[in-house]
N, C-alpha and C. Protein backbone atom coordinates (compact mmCIF):
# COMPACT_ATOMS: atom_id res chain seq x y z
N UNK A 1 0.79 -1.09 0.01
CA UNK A 1 0.02 0.05 -0.03
C UNK A 1 0.99 1.20 0.07
N UNK A 2 0.45 2.29 -0.73
CA UNK A 2 1.17 3.50 -0.78
C UNK A 2 0.37 4.62 -0.17
N UNK A 3 0.92 5.49 0.62
CA UNK A 3 0.12 6.30 1.36
C UNK A 3 0.66 7.75 1.10
N UNK A 4 -0.22 8.75 1.04
CA UNK A 4 0.18 10.21 0.89
C UNK A 4 -0.73 10.96 1.79
N UNK A 5 -0.01 11.88 2.53
CA UNK A 5 -0.71 12.79 3.51
C UNK A 5 -1.00 14.24 2.87
N UNK A 6 -2.03 14.82 3.16
CA UNK A 6 -2.41 16.08 2.60
C UNK A 6 -2.98 16.97 3.68
N UNK A 7 -3.12 18.22 3.47
CA UNK A 7 -3.82 19.17 4.42
C UNK A 7 -3.00 20.09 5.38
N UNK A 8 -1.68 19.81 5.42
CA UNK A 8 -0.97 20.74 6.36
C UNK A 8 -0.89 22.06 5.96
N UNK A 9 -0.42 22.95 6.75
CA UNK A 9 -0.40 24.39 6.51
C UNK A 9 -0.11 25.23 7.83
N UNK A 10 -0.24 26.52 7.54
CA UNK A 10 -0.02 27.40 8.81
C UNK A 10 -1.28 27.88 9.34
N UNK A 11 -1.47 27.92 10.56
CA UNK A 11 -2.72 28.17 11.36
C UNK A 11 -2.40 28.86 12.54
N UNK A 12 -3.14 29.78 13.10
CA UNK A 12 -2.98 30.39 14.34
C UNK A 12 -3.38 29.55 15.45
N UNK A 13 -2.85 29.74 16.69
CA UNK A 13 -3.24 28.91 17.85
C UNK A 13 -4.70 29.09 18.07
N UNK A 14 -5.22 27.94 18.38
CA UNK A 14 -6.87 27.91 18.64
C UNK A 14 -7.58 27.52 17.26
N UNK A 15 -6.82 27.61 16.26
CA UNK A 15 -7.48 27.31 14.90
C UNK A 15 -7.46 25.66 14.66
N UNK A 16 -7.96 25.34 13.46
CA UNK A 16 -8.25 23.89 13.21
C UNK A 16 -7.68 23.67 11.80
N UNK A 17 -7.31 22.39 11.56
CA UNK A 17 -6.85 21.82 10.38
C UNK A 17 -7.43 20.39 10.16
N UNK A 18 -7.53 19.95 8.81
CA UNK A 18 -8.03 18.52 8.79
C UNK A 18 -7.01 17.97 7.83
N UNK A 19 -6.29 16.92 8.26
CA UNK A 19 -5.35 16.22 7.45
C UNK A 19 -5.95 14.95 6.86
N UNK A 20 -5.71 14.73 5.65
CA UNK A 20 -6.19 13.46 4.82
C UNK A 20 -5.02 12.60 4.42
N UNK A 21 -5.16 11.33 4.61
CA UNK A 21 -4.20 10.32 4.19
C UNK A 21 -4.90 9.41 3.14
N UNK A 22 -4.40 9.49 1.91
CA UNK A 22 -5.06 8.58 0.88
C UNK A 22 -4.16 7.46 0.64
N UNK A 23 -4.75 6.23 0.50
CA UNK A 23 -4.08 5.03 0.38
C UNK A 23 -4.39 4.35 -0.93
N UNK A 24 -3.46 3.53 -1.49
CA UNK A 24 -3.70 2.87 -2.74
C UNK A 24 -3.80 1.48 -2.40
N UNK A 25 -4.48 0.59 -3.18
CA UNK A 25 -4.51 -0.83 -2.99
C UNK A 25 -5.76 -1.29 -2.28
N UNK A 26 -6.06 -2.47 -2.60
CA UNK A 26 -7.35 -3.09 -2.08
C UNK A 26 -7.27 -3.55 -0.70
N UNK A 27 -5.98 -3.59 -0.13
CA UNK A 27 -5.94 -3.90 1.28
C UNK A 27 -6.07 -2.77 2.24
N UNK A 28 -6.24 -1.61 1.87
CA UNK A 28 -6.15 -0.48 2.72
C UNK A 28 -7.25 -0.62 3.74
N UNK A 29 -8.44 -1.16 3.36
CA UNK A 29 -9.58 -1.18 4.41
C UNK A 29 -9.39 -2.27 5.44
N UNK A 30 -8.22 -3.03 5.26
CA UNK A 30 -7.94 -4.18 6.34
C UNK A 30 -6.87 -3.74 7.25
N UNK A 31 -6.30 -2.59 7.08
CA UNK A 31 -5.19 -2.14 7.96
C UNK A 31 -5.67 -1.21 8.99
N UNK A 32 -5.06 -1.36 10.29
CA UNK A 32 -5.25 -0.31 11.18
C UNK A 32 -4.34 0.80 10.63
N UNK A 33 -4.80 1.98 11.10
CA UNK A 33 -3.94 3.22 10.52
C UNK A 33 -3.55 4.12 11.71
N UNK A 34 -2.54 4.87 11.57
CA UNK A 34 -2.00 5.87 12.56
C UNK A 34 -1.66 7.19 11.95
N UNK A 35 -1.77 8.13 12.92
CA UNK A 35 -1.12 9.39 12.49
C UNK A 35 -0.04 9.69 13.45
N UNK A 36 1.01 10.13 12.80
CA UNK A 36 2.27 10.37 13.71
C UNK A 36 2.79 11.81 13.47
N UNK A 37 3.59 12.33 14.26
CA UNK A 37 4.28 13.55 14.09
C UNK A 37 5.74 13.62 14.68
N UNK A 38 6.50 14.36 13.92
CA UNK A 38 7.78 14.69 14.43
C UNK A 38 8.13 16.07 14.39
N UNK A 39 8.39 16.67 15.62
CA UNK A 39 8.81 18.01 15.76
C UNK A 39 10.35 18.19 15.63
N UNK A 40 10.87 19.20 15.19
CA UNK A 40 12.33 19.50 15.19
C UNK A 40 12.98 19.02 16.48
N UNK A 41 13.97 18.15 16.40
CA UNK A 41 14.72 17.81 17.70
C UNK A 41 14.05 17.00 18.50
N UNK A 42 12.84 16.47 18.17
CA UNK A 42 12.10 15.50 19.08
C UNK A 42 12.00 14.05 18.20
N UNK A 43 11.52 13.20 19.19
CA UNK A 43 11.36 11.84 18.63
C UNK A 43 9.88 11.82 17.99
N UNK A 44 9.85 10.94 16.88
CA UNK A 44 8.55 10.77 16.34
C UNK A 44 7.46 10.22 17.24
N UNK A 45 6.30 10.62 17.30
CA UNK A 45 5.25 10.10 18.13
C UNK A 45 3.96 9.68 17.50
N UNK A 46 3.29 8.72 17.92
CA UNK A 46 1.95 8.40 17.32
C UNK A 46 1.04 9.33 18.13
N UNK A 47 0.15 10.02 17.43
CA UNK A 47 -0.92 10.90 18.16
C UNK A 47 -2.27 10.30 18.10
N UNK A 48 -2.44 9.45 17.11
CA UNK A 48 -3.75 8.95 17.01
C UNK A 48 -3.73 7.51 16.19
N UNK A 49 -4.67 6.54 16.42
CA UNK A 49 -4.74 5.44 15.62
C UNK A 49 -6.16 5.00 15.57
N UNK A 50 -6.42 4.08 14.55
CA UNK A 50 -7.81 3.72 14.34
C UNK A 50 -7.73 2.30 13.76
N UNK A 51 -8.63 1.41 14.38
CA UNK A 51 -8.81 0.11 13.89
C UNK A 51 -9.28 0.05 12.47
N UNK A 52 -9.00 -1.02 11.66
CA UNK A 52 -9.34 -1.22 10.39
C UNK A 52 -10.89 -0.84 10.16
N UNK A 53 -11.75 -1.27 11.04
CA UNK A 53 -13.18 -1.06 10.95
C UNK A 53 -13.62 0.37 11.24
N UNK A 54 -12.83 1.08 11.92
CA UNK A 54 -13.16 2.51 12.35
C UNK A 54 -13.84 2.48 13.65
N UNK A 55 -14.00 1.29 14.21
CA UNK A 55 -14.97 1.25 15.54
C UNK A 55 -14.13 1.52 16.70
N UNK A 56 -12.90 1.46 16.70
CA UNK A 56 -12.03 1.81 17.89
C UNK A 56 -10.89 2.75 17.49
N UNK A 57 -10.67 3.81 18.46
CA UNK A 57 -9.55 4.75 18.12
C UNK A 57 -8.77 4.98 19.41
N UNK A 58 -7.64 5.39 19.25
CA UNK A 58 -6.67 5.68 20.36
C UNK A 58 -5.99 6.98 20.16
N UNK A 59 -5.68 7.63 21.21
CA UNK A 59 -5.16 9.04 21.26
C UNK A 59 -3.97 9.12 22.15
N UNK A 60 -2.95 9.87 21.96
CA UNK A 60 -1.90 10.11 22.99
C UNK A 60 -2.66 11.20 23.96
N UNK A 61 -2.11 11.30 25.12
CA UNK A 61 -2.85 12.22 26.00
C UNK A 61 -2.84 13.59 25.67
N UNK A 62 -1.69 14.15 24.99
CA UNK A 62 -1.63 15.60 24.72
C UNK A 62 -2.53 16.06 23.62
N UNK A 63 -3.28 15.06 22.87
CA UNK A 63 -4.23 15.52 21.98
C UNK A 63 -5.66 15.08 22.20
N UNK A 64 -5.87 14.38 23.22
CA UNK A 64 -7.25 13.91 23.71
C UNK A 64 -8.11 15.12 23.78
N UNK A 65 -9.40 14.96 23.15
CA UNK A 65 -10.33 16.07 23.30
C UNK A 65 -10.19 17.19 22.24
N UNK A 66 -8.96 17.13 21.58
CA UNK A 66 -8.70 18.09 20.42
C UNK A 66 -8.58 17.51 19.05
N UNK A 67 -8.16 16.32 19.03
CA UNK A 67 -7.90 15.70 17.66
C UNK A 67 -8.82 14.50 17.54
N UNK A 68 -9.38 14.29 16.31
CA UNK A 68 -10.22 13.20 16.04
C UNK A 68 -9.76 12.44 14.86
N UNK A 69 -9.60 11.17 14.85
CA UNK A 69 -9.30 10.34 13.85
C UNK A 69 -10.43 9.51 13.28
N UNK A 70 -10.54 9.50 11.99
CA UNK A 70 -11.62 8.82 11.36
C UNK A 70 -11.25 8.25 10.02
N UNK A 71 -12.06 7.44 9.40
CA UNK A 71 -11.69 6.84 8.08
C UNK A 71 -12.90 6.53 7.27
N UNK A 72 -12.76 6.51 6.02
CA UNK A 72 -13.64 6.12 5.06
C UNK A 72 -13.07 5.16 4.12
N UNK A 73 -13.26 3.81 4.41
CA UNK A 73 -12.70 2.72 3.72
C UNK A 73 -13.17 2.69 2.24
N UNK A 74 -14.32 3.16 1.96
CA UNK A 74 -14.78 3.11 0.61
C UNK A 74 -14.02 4.11 -0.39
N UNK A 75 -13.41 5.06 0.32
CA UNK A 75 -12.54 5.94 -0.44
C UNK A 75 -11.02 5.82 -0.19
N UNK A 76 -10.74 4.83 0.62
CA UNK A 76 -9.28 4.57 1.01
C UNK A 76 -8.64 5.96 1.71
N UNK A 77 -9.39 6.49 2.73
CA UNK A 77 -8.82 7.69 3.17
C UNK A 77 -9.06 7.71 4.67
N UNK A 78 -8.00 8.19 5.35
CA UNK A 78 -8.03 8.31 6.93
C UNK A 78 -7.81 9.86 7.08
N UNK A 79 -8.71 10.33 8.02
CA UNK A 79 -8.60 11.85 8.38
C UNK A 79 -8.10 12.05 9.86
N UNK A 80 -7.45 13.14 10.06
CA UNK A 80 -7.22 13.71 11.36
C UNK A 80 -7.67 15.21 11.47
N UNK A 81 -8.83 15.22 12.22
CA UNK A 81 -9.29 16.59 12.47
C UNK A 81 -8.60 17.11 13.63
N UNK A 82 -7.96 18.29 13.55
CA UNK A 82 -7.25 18.81 14.60
C UNK A 82 -7.89 20.23 14.99
N UNK A 83 -8.41 20.31 16.14
CA UNK A 83 -8.97 21.51 16.74
C UNK A 83 -8.19 22.14 17.98
N UNK A 84 -8.44 23.28 18.19
CA UNK A 84 -7.84 23.97 19.26
C UNK A 84 -6.30 23.74 19.14
N UNK A 85 -5.87 24.05 18.14
CA UNK A 85 -4.37 23.77 17.89
C UNK A 85 -3.49 24.66 18.80
N UNK A 86 -2.38 24.18 19.11
CA UNK A 86 -1.28 24.86 20.06
C UNK A 86 -0.03 24.96 19.27
N UNK A 87 0.88 25.89 19.59
CA UNK A 87 2.10 26.00 18.95
C UNK A 87 2.94 24.60 19.23
N UNK A 88 2.65 23.92 20.18
CA UNK A 88 3.42 22.72 20.34
C UNK A 88 2.99 21.57 19.57
N UNK A 89 1.88 21.78 18.75
CA UNK A 89 1.50 20.86 17.83
C UNK A 89 2.23 20.93 16.60
N UNK A 90 3.06 21.91 16.45
CA UNK A 90 3.88 22.21 15.11
C UNK A 90 4.73 21.03 14.91
N UNK A 91 4.68 20.36 13.71
CA UNK A 91 5.48 19.22 13.48
C UNK A 91 5.10 18.83 12.03
N UNK A 92 5.93 17.81 11.51
CA UNK A 92 5.62 17.22 10.24
C UNK A 92 4.71 15.96 10.71
N UNK A 93 3.64 15.83 10.07
CA UNK A 93 2.69 14.85 10.37
C UNK A 93 2.69 13.71 9.20
N UNK A 94 2.76 12.43 9.60
CA UNK A 94 2.80 11.33 8.82
C UNK A 94 1.59 10.38 9.11
N UNK A 95 1.21 9.69 7.98
CA UNK A 95 0.18 8.61 8.25
C UNK A 95 1.02 7.26 7.97
N UNK A 96 0.49 6.21 8.56
CA UNK A 96 1.20 4.88 8.41
C UNK A 96 0.10 3.84 8.65
N UNK A 97 0.43 2.69 8.01
CA UNK A 97 -0.48 1.54 8.16
C UNK A 97 0.12 0.40 8.88
N UNK A 98 -0.62 -0.32 9.69
CA UNK A 98 -0.29 -1.42 10.48
C UNK A 98 -0.89 -2.62 9.81
N UNK A 99 -0.18 -3.47 9.12
CA UNK A 99 -0.78 -4.57 8.35
C UNK A 99 -1.22 -5.63 9.22
N UNK A 100 -0.51 -5.87 10.31
CA UNK A 100 -0.85 -7.02 11.15
C UNK A 100 -1.94 -6.66 12.15
N UNK A 101 -2.22 -5.41 12.44
CA UNK A 101 -3.26 -5.03 13.30
C UNK A 101 -2.82 -5.11 14.83
N UNK A 102 -3.41 -4.31 15.61
CA UNK A 102 -3.16 -4.28 17.03
C UNK A 102 -2.11 -3.38 17.55
N UNK A 103 -1.55 -2.63 16.49
CA UNK A 103 -0.38 -1.87 16.97
C UNK A 103 -0.74 -0.67 17.78
N UNK A 104 -2.00 -0.28 17.81
CA UNK A 104 -2.39 0.95 18.61
C UNK A 104 -1.35 2.14 18.31
N UNK A 105 -0.72 2.65 19.41
CA UNK A 105 0.12 3.90 19.30
C UNK A 105 1.56 3.31 19.21
N UNK A 106 1.74 2.20 19.03
CA UNK A 106 3.22 1.70 18.90
C UNK A 106 3.76 1.80 17.59
N UNK A 107 4.67 2.75 17.28
CA UNK A 107 5.03 3.12 15.89
C UNK A 107 5.98 1.92 15.27
N UNK A 108 6.47 1.14 16.08
CA UNK A 108 7.23 -0.07 15.69
C UNK A 108 6.43 -1.18 14.94
N UNK A 109 5.13 -1.00 15.31
CA UNK A 109 4.18 -1.98 14.67
C UNK A 109 3.75 -1.54 13.26
N UNK A 110 4.09 -0.47 12.84
CA UNK A 110 3.55 0.15 11.59
C UNK A 110 4.57 -0.19 10.48
N UNK A 111 4.06 -0.64 9.26
CA UNK A 111 4.83 -1.27 8.18
C UNK A 111 5.00 -0.24 7.05
N UNK A 112 3.98 0.56 6.70
CA UNK A 112 3.92 1.43 5.59
C UNK A 112 3.76 2.82 5.98
N UNK A 113 4.62 3.63 5.31
CA UNK A 113 4.63 5.04 5.72
C UNK A 113 4.45 5.98 4.63
N UNK A 114 3.69 7.04 4.75
CA UNK A 114 3.53 7.98 3.71
C UNK A 114 4.52 9.13 3.97
N UNK A 115 4.54 10.01 2.97
CA UNK A 115 5.36 11.29 3.09
C UNK A 115 4.59 12.27 4.16
N UNK A 116 5.35 13.04 4.64
CA UNK A 116 4.80 13.94 5.71
C UNK A 116 4.15 15.12 5.18
N UNK A 117 3.45 15.79 5.94
CA UNK A 117 2.80 17.12 5.68
C UNK A 117 3.06 18.12 6.80
N UNK A 118 3.52 19.28 6.54
CA UNK A 118 4.05 20.17 7.51
C UNK A 118 2.73 20.90 8.23
N UNK A 119 2.72 20.99 9.57
CA UNK A 119 1.73 21.71 10.22
C UNK A 119 2.38 22.59 11.14
N UNK A 120 2.19 23.94 11.02
CA UNK A 120 2.80 24.89 11.75
C UNK A 120 1.73 25.79 12.42
N UNK A 121 1.75 25.96 13.65
CA UNK A 121 0.82 26.64 14.53
C UNK A 121 1.54 27.88 15.14
N UNK A 122 1.08 29.00 14.80
CA UNK A 122 1.75 30.23 15.22
C UNK A 122 0.97 30.68 16.54
N UNK A 123 1.70 31.31 17.43
CA UNK A 123 1.21 31.83 18.75
C UNK A 123 0.67 33.21 18.51
């Protein structure tokens, strides 16, 4: 599966952005998916993940209540709605697929990675 993330940009603190991750291949709908981010000088972290069915989601503590992950398997796309953005959310955001399932927020479990999209939140 090939993945491509879209939707990054520059936004003021308190604003919103919606990221999209489009995947190719018939197996996309069978993969758990995750959104990750990496800020300059920091480790990459998983901010949200979603089961293949869309029925279960996971979030890292710093984004709970502000970010929402969802998916549309008919269109091979996963979304990350980001609200109440903060300057510390500034990072390159990536989407990734977990072919085996069950990876939740563990990035070592993710097999396929897309190119990132830059999100910059100004104060």
